[in-house]
Protein backbone atom coordinates (compact mmCIF):
# COMPACT_ATOMS: atom_id res chain seq x y z
CA UNK A 1 1.70 27.67 13.22
CA UNK A 2 -0.71 29.31 11.09
CA UNK A 3 -4.53 28.58 10.94
CA UNK A 4 -5.71 26.54 7.74
CA UNK A 5 -8.89 27.22 6.27
CA UNK A 6 -11.05 25.75 3.60
CA UNK A 7 -11.70 28.80 0.58
CA UNK A 8 -15.49 29.42 1.08
CA UNK A 9 -15.42 29.02 -2.81
CA UNK A 10 -13.45 26.19 -4.19
CA UNK A 11 -13.06 24.41 -0.76
CA UNK A 12 -9.05 24.47 -1.55
CA UNK A 13 -6.83 24.30 1.84
CA UNK A 14 -5.77 28.00 2.56
CA UNK A 15 -3.36 29.34 5.31
CA UNK A 16 -4.96 32.19 7.46
CA UNK A 17 -1.75 34.40 7.89
CA UNK A 18 -1.31 38.32 6.95
CA UNK A 19 1.00 37.33 3.66
CA UNK A 20 -2.38 35.87 2.29
CA UNK A 21 -4.40 39.31 1.09
CA UNK A 22 -7.36 37.31 0.12
CA UNK A 23 -8.31 35.37 3.09
CA UNK A 24 -9.94 33.41 3.73
CA UNK A 25 -10.32 33.27 0.12
CA UNK A 26 -7.56 31.44 -1.99
CA UNK A 27 -7.31 34.01 -4.54
CA UNK A 28 -8.68 36.92 -5.99
CA UNK A 29 -10.61 34.94 -8.58
CA UNK A 30 -12.31 32.90 -5.53
CA UNK A 31 -12.95 36.17 -3.79
CA UNK A 32 -14.28 38.07 -7.11
CA UNK A 33 -16.85 35.12 -7.42
CA UNK A 34 -17.96 35.21 -4.63
CA UNK A 35 -18.62 39.11 -4.44
CA UNK A 36 -20.64 38.25 -7.44
CA UNK A 37 -22.91 35.88 -5.62
CA UNK A 38 -23.32 38.12 -2.91
CA UNK A 39 -24.29 41.11 -5.33
CA UNK A 40 -26.94 38.79 -7.15
CA UNK A 41 -28.60 38.30 -3.80
CA UNK A 42 -27.40 34.22 -3.66
CA UNK A 43 -27.03 34.72 -0.35
CA UNK A 44 -30.19 34.36 1.68
CA UNK A 45 -31.39 33.95 5.18
CA UNK A 46 -34.57 31.68 5.00
CA UNK A 47 -37.65 33.77 6.05
CA UNK A 48 -39.33 32.06 9.20
CA UNK A 49 -43.39 32.74 9.16
CA UNK A 50 -44.42 34.12 12.61
CA UNK A 51 -47.14 32.17 13.88
CA UNK A 52 -50.85 33.64 13.07
CA UNK A 53 -52.49 35.74 15.75
CA UNK A 54 -54.82 33.67 18.04
CA UNK A 55 -58.16 34.77 18.19
CA UNK A 56 -59.96 34.72 21.47
CA UNK A 57 -62.18 31.88 20.35
CA UNK A 58 -59.24 30.13 19.39
CA UNK A 59 -58.06 29.68 23.01
CA UNK A 60 -58.38 26.56 25.23
CA UNK A 61 -61.69 26.91 28.03
């Protein structure tokens, strides 16, 4: 029994098998759409601002 996943681009159910050369995508079109989004830097990881450095005067006594 093959694993079934959702296409990351369109959400269509896709069998994860060696016969599907576009896996995890359902088609070459969805694969190219995803590649285009990646190339345009639409996928980002939000930056977390590090805490400010504490001065000696900011420390509790």
